Amino acid sequence: MKKIIKITNIISLIFISSLLSLYSIEFISEKYFFDKLYYNKSIKHGYWNPEKTTKFSEFGNRSRDIDNLYKEWEKKKENNTLGKTTIPDDQFIIAIHGDSYVWGQGVKYTNTLPYLLEKNLNKQINSTVLGLAISGNSIMELQNSYYLANNVYSVDFNIFVPVTNDLLIKNEVNYEKKYPQWNICKKKHPDINPIYDWTEEEQSGTTDKENLNDHYKKIVNLSWENDFNLCLLDESLKTISNKNSIFFIPLCYEDNNMNKYTKYIKNHNFQIANFLDSENNDKYESFWKDPLYNFMVSEQDGHPSKHAHLIFAQMLEPIVLEKIHQN
């Protein structure tokens, strides 16, 4: 009997040691070799890799909510049963609309804002947080996910996470047929061509990271000077209710284009929360000692780190709870 116990203990020790070794290896590789091993390669970290990724389902839980939304919308259009879903009636439903910041590019799904916020809220109240985001979404895609979600589900609260490239138009989307605001702005500005996002061909045209960043900043700046793009922003905001929606500004620095964005949001009387406000909280003192370094996934990827996502969720939690208690 003693021999069996000894063997069992040895096997358990080996198993635990192996798990700790794997965890240590993964921790070290993510912290010190992220750009070489994961950047633009790892599906687990939310990257779209054309050589490996072909559909939403390959991203698992990360893409589940937006994928289900599209499927439910098509199904309910056919059956004319909008508003009835499998989400239990006792759930407070929060929809988060955004692009790669909400999608969580560069971090594991369990480190993303939608996952963390739902986890925190469910410690206090039954909640479902829908992460409705795809990398590269424009303001019109955000408005569209809002429209679909609030027709398919009984959404109680909407959170929008705006970024400065939201005004760029996707080359592959037929906006004229898909979005009413496009035709409104075309009538208002018939002689102005909007600023489009860069194509994959443009991105692959150079391997110079610095030149790519400069080019992208240039077209983003141009979109904020273009009356057609600005019209699309204004018309999109008009269709969103400010009674059950908030905009969360996720940047860790002041930005002229984001200041312009904020003015438009304020003009439509939306509630605004700003990540910069966390600098005044002693709880996040260590983060703000080196905000750019702590905010970014890595040197190559400037998307929010898991530390930043954690603070996002902690900042939004009391805002959502206040809204729940008001209801």
Protein backbone atom coordinates (compact mmCIF):
# COMPACT_ATOMS: atom_id res chain seq x y z
CA MET A 1 0.00 0.00 0.00
CA LYS A 2 2.83 2.40 0.90
CA LYS A 3 4.48 1.62 -2.43
CA ILE A 4 1.27 2.52 -4.35
CA ILE A 5 0.95 5.79 -2.41
CA LYS A 6 4.57 6.62 -3.14
CA ILE A 7 4.14 5.94 -6.87
CA THR A 8 0.94 8.01 -6.92
CA ASN A 9 2.70 10.91 -5.22
CA ILE A 10 5.57 10.75 -7.70
CA ILE A 11 3.16 10.73 -10.67
CA SER A 12 1.23 13.66 -9.18
CA LEU A 13 4.45 15.58 -8.61
CA ILE A 14 5.57 14.96 -12.21
CA PHE A 15 2.16 16.05 -13.52
CA ILE A 16 2.12 19.25 -11.44
CA SER A 17 5.74 20.02 -12.37
CA SER A 18 4.90 19.56 -16.06
CA LEU A 19 1.96 21.93 -15.81
CA LEU A 20 4.05 24.55 -14.03
CA SER A 21 6.78 24.18 -16.64
CA LEU A 22 4.30 24.66 -19.48
CA TYR A 23 2.82 27.70 -17.76
CA SER A 24 6.29 29.15 -17.18
CA ILE A 25 7.29 28.58 -20.81
CA GLU A 26 4.11 30.22 -22.08
CA PHE A 27 4.50 33.16 -19.69
CA ILE A 28 8.10 33.78 -20.73
CA SER A 29 7.37 33.36 -24.45
CA GLU A 30 4.44 35.81 -24.30
CA LYS A 31 6.28 38.38 -22.21
CA TYR A 32 9.65 38.37 -23.96
CA PHE A 33 9.15 36.79 -27.41
CA PHE A 34 5.59 37.82 -28.30
CA ASP A 35 6.38 39.57 -31.59
CA LYS A 36 8.45 36.66 -32.86
CA LEU A 37 6.14 33.84 -31.79
CA TYR A 38 2.59 35.24 -31.73
CA TYR A 39 2.24 38.60 -33.49
CA ASN A 40 0.05 38.30 -36.63
CA LYS A 41 0.25 34.50 -36.29
CA SER A 42 -1.71 33.26 -33.28
CA ILE A 43 -5.45 32.61 -33.63
CA LYS A 44 -5.49 32.14 -29.85
CA HIS A 45 -4.47 35.80 -29.57
CA GLY A 46 -7.14 36.98 -32.01
CA TYR A 47 -5.01 37.41 -35.14
CA TRP A 48 -6.51 36.85 -38.58
CA ASN A 49 -3.98 34.72 -40.41
CA PRO A 50 -5.08 34.13 -44.04
CA GLU A 51 -2.94 31.00 -44.20
CA LYS A 52 -4.64 29.47 -41.16
CA THR A 53 -7.93 31.30 -40.53
CA THR A 54 -10.91 31.05 -42.87
CA LYS A 55 -14.02 31.47 -40.71
CA PHE A 56 -15.36 32.87 -37.45
CA SER A 57 -15.80 29.51 -35.76
CA GLU A 58 -12.03 29.00 -35.62
CA PHE A 59 -11.83 31.79 -33.04
CA GLY A 60 -14.16 29.93 -30.66
CA ASN A 61 -15.71 32.03 -27.88
CA ARG A 62 -14.08 35.22 -29.15
CA SER A 63 -16.25 35.25 -32.29
CA ARG A 64 -19.27 33.45 -30.82
CA ASP A 65 -21.41 36.50 -30.05
CA ILE A 66 -21.02 38.34 -33.35
CA ASP A 67 -21.38 35.09 -35.30
CA ASN A 68 -24.55 34.16 -33.40
CA LEU A 69 -25.94 37.66 -33.92
CA TYR A 70 -25.70 37.37 -37.70
CA LYS A 71 -27.22 33.89 -37.65
CA GLU A 72 -30.05 34.90 -35.30
CA TRP A 73 -30.79 37.96 -37.44
CA GLU A 74 -31.16 35.89 -40.61
CA LYS A 75 -33.24 33.26 -38.84
CA LYS A 76 -35.54 35.76 -37.19
CA LYS A 77 -36.02 37.74 -40.39
CA GLU A 78 -37.30 34.56 -42.02
CA ASN A 79 -39.56 33.61 -39.09
CA ASN A 80 -40.54 37.17 -38.18
CA THR A 81 -39.86 36.50 -34.49
CA LEU A 82 -37.52 39.34 -33.59
CA GLY A 83 -36.92 39.88 -29.88
CA LYS A 84 -37.13 36.26 -28.72
CA THR A 85 -33.84 34.45 -28.14
CA THR A 86 -32.29 31.70 -26.07
CA ILE A 87 -30.87 34.18 -23.53
CA PRO A 88 -32.84 33.74 -20.26
CA ASP A 89 -35.27 36.51 -19.31
CA ASP A 90 -33.55 37.08 -15.95
CA GLN A 91 -30.29 38.12 -17.64
CA PHE A 92 -29.26 41.76 -17.88
CA ILE A 93 -27.91 42.00 -21.44
CA ILE A 94 -24.98 44.29 -22.24
CA ALA A 95 -23.75 44.66 -25.82
CA ILE A 96 -20.22 45.95 -26.44
CA HIS A 97 -19.68 47.35 -29.94
CA GLY A 98 -16.21 47.97 -31.32
CA ASP A 99 -13.36 46.84 -33.50
CA SER A 100 -10.04 45.14 -32.70
CA TYR A 101 -9.92 46.78 -29.26
CA VAL A 102 -13.07 44.92 -28.22
CA TRP A 103 -12.20 41.86 -30.31
CA GLY A 104 -9.06 41.71 -28.18
CA GLN A 105 -6.35 41.51 -30.80
CA GLY A 106 -3.12 40.46 -29.16
CA VAL A 107 -4.57 38.88 -25.99
CA LYS A 108 -6.27 35.59 -25.18
CA TYR A 109 -10.06 35.61 -25.08
CA THR A 110 -10.09 35.23 -21.29
CA ASN A 111 -8.19 38.53 -21.05
CA THR A 112 -10.63 40.55 -23.20
CA LEU A 113 -13.01 43.26 -22.02
CA PRO A 114 -16.26 41.33 -22.83
CA TYR A 115 -15.11 38.22 -20.95
CA LEU A 116 -13.77 40.10 -17.92
CA LEU A 117 -16.78 42.41 -17.61
CA GLU A 118 -19.22 39.49 -17.74
CA LYS A 119 -17.15 37.56 -15.20
CA ASN A 120 -17.11 40.53 -12.79
CA LEU A 121 -20.80 41.37 -13.21
CA ASN A 122 -21.96 37.80 -12.65
CA LYS A 123 -20.47 37.86 -9.18
CA GLN A 124 -23.26 40.32 -8.33
CA ILE A 125 -26.08 39.90 -10.85
CA ASN A 126 -27.10 37.59 -13.68
CA SER A 127 -25.61 39.17 -16.79
CA THR A 128 -24.76 38.38 -20.38
CA VAL A 129 -22.12 40.51 -22.08
CA LEU A 130 -22.12 40.29 -25.86
CA GLY A 131 -18.80 41.09 -27.52
CA LEU A 132 -19.96 42.43 -30.89
CA ALA A 133 -16.73 43.34 -32.60
CA ILE A 134 -14.58 42.52 -35.62
CA SER A 135 -11.15 43.93 -36.32
CA GLY A 136 -11.37 46.84 -38.74
CA ASN A 137 -14.98 47.81 -38.03
CA SER A 138 -15.93 51.36 -38.98
CA ILE A 139 -18.53 53.53 -37.25
CA MET A 140 -21.10 52.15 -39.69
CA GLU A 141 -20.34 48.56 -38.65
CA LEU A 142 -20.67 49.64 -35.01
CA GLN A 143 -24.04 51.23 -35.77
CA ASN A 144 -25.09 48.10 -37.66
CA SER A 145 -24.20 45.75 -34.79
CA TYR A 146 -26.19 48.08 -32.50
CA TYR A 147 -29.21 47.92 -34.80
CA LEU A 148 -29.08 44.12 -35.18
CA ALA A 149 -28.44 43.44 -31.48
CA ASN A 150 -31.24 45.69 -30.28
CA ASN A 151 -33.68 44.01 -32.65
CA VAL A 152 -32.56 40.43 -32.10
CA TYR A 153 -32.04 40.68 -28.32
CA SER A 154 -33.64 42.73 -25.57
CA VAL A 155 -30.43 44.66 -24.94
CA ASP A 156 -30.49 46.61 -21.69
CA PHE A 157 -27.27 48.59 -22.13
CA ASN A 158 -24.90 49.33 -25.01
CA ILE A 159 -21.20 50.13 -24.66
CA PHE A 160 -19.37 51.61 -27.64
CA VAL A 161 -15.56 51.61 -27.73
CA PRO A 162 -14.54 54.18 -30.37
CA VAL A 163 -11.08 54.49 -31.93
CA THR A 164 -9.74 57.11 -34.31
CA ASN A 165 -9.80 54.92 -37.45
CA ASP A 166 -13.59 54.41 -37.15
CA LEU A 167 -14.16 56.89 -39.98
CA LEU A 168 -12.21 54.88 -42.56
CA ILE A 169 -14.36 53.08 -45.13
CA LYS A 170 -13.78 49.44 -46.06
CA ASN A 171 -12.99 48.87 -49.72
CA GLU A 172 -14.78 45.52 -49.95
CA VAL A 173 -18.17 46.61 -48.53
CA ASN A 174 -21.04 47.82 -50.73
CA TYR A 175 -22.14 50.62 -48.42
CA GLU A 176 -24.65 52.05 -50.87
CA LYS A 177 -26.82 48.94 -50.60
CA LYS A 178 -26.13 48.14 -46.96
CA TYR A 179 -26.26 51.42 -45.01
CA PRO A 180 -28.87 54.22 -45.32
CA GLN A 181 -26.47 56.83 -43.93
CA TRP A 182 -24.22 56.33 -46.95
CA ASN A 183 -26.93 57.51 -49.33
CA ILE A 184 -27.82 60.42 -47.04
CA CYS A 185 -24.21 61.64 -47.07
CA LYS A 186 -23.90 61.05 -50.80
CA LYS A 187 -26.78 63.46 -51.35
CA LYS A 188 -25.28 66.00 -48.94
CA HIS A 189 -21.77 65.77 -50.43
CA PRO A 190 -22.13 64.55 -54.05
CA ASP A 191 -18.76 65.92 -55.15
CA ILE A 192 -16.68 64.56 -52.26
CA ASN A 193 -15.07 61.12 -52.23
CA PRO A 194 -14.66 59.52 -48.80
CA ILE A 195 -11.34 58.33 -47.39
CA TYR A 196 -11.00 54.55 -47.52
CA ASP A 197 -9.07 52.18 -45.30
CA TRP A 198 -5.93 50.67 -46.77
CA THR A 199 -6.17 47.40 -48.66
CA GLU A 200 -4.22 44.20 -48.01
CA GLU A 201 -2.26 44.94 -51.18
CA GLU A 202 -1.20 48.32 -49.81
CA GLN A 203 -0.16 46.76 -46.51
CA SER A 204 1.87 44.04 -48.21
CA GLY A 205 3.51 46.56 -50.54
CA THR A 206 6.21 47.37 -48.02
CA THR A 207 7.88 45.61 -45.13
CA ASP A 208 8.93 48.89 -43.57
CA LYS A 209 6.89 49.06 -40.37
CA GLU A 210 7.66 52.74 -39.82
CA ASN A 211 6.45 53.70 -43.31
CA LEU A 212 3.28 51.65 -42.84
CA ASN A 213 2.50 53.45 -39.58
CA ASP A 214 3.15 56.86 -41.13
CA HIS A 215 0.92 56.05 -44.10
CA TYR A 216 -1.86 54.82 -41.86
CA LYS A 217 -1.71 57.89 -39.61
CA LYS A 218 -1.93 60.04 -42.73
CA ILE A 219 -5.13 58.44 -44.04
CA VAL A 220 -6.69 58.46 -40.56
CA ASN A 221 -5.97 62.20 -40.30
CA LEU A 222 -7.45 62.75 -43.76
CA SER A 223 -10.65 60.96 -42.74
CA TRP A 224 -11.12 63.51 -39.93
CA GLU A 225 -10.83 66.35 -42.42
CA ASN A 226 -13.22 64.82 -44.96
CA ASP A 227 -16.83 66.06 -44.90
CA PHE A 228 -18.18 62.79 -46.31
CA ASN A 229 -16.54 60.67 -43.59
CA LEU A 230 -17.62 63.13 -40.90
CA CYS A 231 -21.17 63.03 -42.26
CA LEU A 232 -21.16 59.21 -41.95
CA LEU A 233 -20.12 59.56 -38.32
CA ASP A 234 -22.83 62.11 -37.56
CA GLU A 235 -25.59 60.18 -39.33
CA SER A 236 -24.57 56.93 -37.62
CA LEU A 237 -24.66 58.55 -34.17
CA LYS A 238 -28.16 59.90 -34.90
CA THR A 239 -29.54 56.36 -35.12
CA ILE A 240 -28.19 55.26 -31.72
CA SER A 241 -30.24 55.88 -28.58
CA ASN A 242 -28.40 57.90 -25.93
CA LYS A 243 -30.76 56.64 -23.22
CA ASN A 244 -29.17 53.22 -22.82
CA SER A 245 -25.73 53.72 -24.40
CA ILE A 246 -22.31 54.88 -23.28
CA PHE A 247 -19.09 55.58 -25.17
CA PHE A 248 -15.88 54.42 -23.50
CA ILE A 249 -12.75 56.22 -24.77
CA PRO A 250 -9.97 53.59 -24.54
CA LEU A 251 -6.80 55.61 -25.25
CA CYS A 252 -4.03 56.17 -22.70
CA TYR A 253 -2.93 59.49 -24.26
CA GLU A 254 -4.48 62.67 -25.62
CA ASP A 255 -5.26 62.55 -29.32
CA ASN A 256 -6.54 65.38 -31.54
CA ASN A 257 -8.72 63.10 -33.65
CA MET A 258 -10.21 61.46 -30.57
CA ASN A 259 -10.97 64.93 -29.20
CA LYS A 260 -12.91 65.62 -32.40
CA TYR A 261 -14.67 62.27 -32.03
CA THR A 262 -15.60 63.12 -28.44
CA LYS A 263 -17.17 66.42 -29.55
CA TYR A 264 -19.45 64.57 -31.96
CA ILE A 265 -20.40 62.10 -29.24
CA LYS A 266 -21.16 64.94 -26.83
CA ASN A 267 -23.23 66.74 -29.46
CA HIS A 268 -25.55 63.73 -29.45
CA ASN A 269 -25.77 63.78 -25.64
CA PHE A 270 -24.17 60.42 -24.95
CA GLN A 271 -22.65 59.51 -21.61
CA ILE A 272 -18.86 59.23 -21.89
CA ALA A 273 -16.31 57.37 -19.78
CA ASN A 274 -12.60 57.85 -20.42
CA PHE A 275 -9.73 55.46 -19.74
CA LEU A 276 -7.54 58.49 -18.96
CA ASP A 277 -9.58 59.01 -15.77
CA SER A 278 -7.98 55.88 -14.31
CA GLU A 279 -4.74 57.87 -13.96
CA ASN A 280 -6.27 59.58 -10.92
CA ASN A 281 -6.97 56.25 -9.20
CA ASP A 282 -4.24 55.05 -6.81
CA LYS A 283 -5.26 51.49 -7.66
CA TYR A 284 -3.66 51.89 -11.09
CA GLU A 285 -0.55 53.79 -10.02
CA SER A 286 1.84 51.11 -11.30
CA PHE A 287 0.19 51.15 -14.73
CA TRP A 288 0.53 54.91 -15.11
CA LYS A 289 4.23 54.94 -14.23
CA ASP A 290 4.83 53.82 -17.82
CA PRO A 291 1.42 53.97 -19.54
CA LEU A 292 2.47 53.41 -23.16
CA TYR A 293 4.56 50.35 -22.29
CA ASN A 294 1.87 48.89 -20.03
CA PHE A 295 -0.94 49.68 -22.47
CA MET A 296 0.54 48.00 -25.54
CA VAL A 297 0.49 44.26 -26.21
CA SER A 298 4.08 44.44 -27.48
CA GLU A 299 6.53 46.63 -29.36
CA GLN A 300 4.92 45.60 -32.65
CA ASP A 301 1.30 45.57 -31.53
CA GLY A 302 -0.13 48.76 -30.05
CA HIS A 303 -3.49 47.20 -29.14
CA PRO A 304 -4.52 47.10 -25.45
CA SER A 305 -2.66 44.61 -23.29
CA LYS A 306 -4.39 42.25 -20.87
CA HIS A 307 -3.56 44.76 -18.11
CA ALA A 308 -5.40 47.48 -20.05
CA HIS A 309 -8.40 45.21 -20.71
CA LEU A 310 -8.57 44.46 -16.99
CA ILE A 311 -8.76 48.16 -16.16
CA PHE A 312 -11.37 48.70 -18.91
CA ALA A 313 -13.59 46.08 -17.28
CA GLN A 314 -13.04 47.44 -13.76
CA MET A 315 -13.92 50.98 -14.87
CA LEU A 316 -17.07 49.93 -16.71
CA GLU A 317 -18.35 47.56 -14.00
CA PRO A 318 -19.72 50.25 -11.60
CA ILE A 319 -21.25 52.16 -14.54
CA VAL A 320 -23.15 49.08 -15.69
CA LEU A 321 -24.20 48.17 -12.15
CA GLU A 322 -25.58 51.68 -11.64
CA LYS A 323 -27.60 51.27 -14.82
CA ILE A 324 -28.90 47.88 -13.64
CA HIS A 325 -30.01 49.34 -10.30
CA GLN A 326 -31.77 52.19 -12.08
CA ASN A 327 -33.84 49.61 -13.92
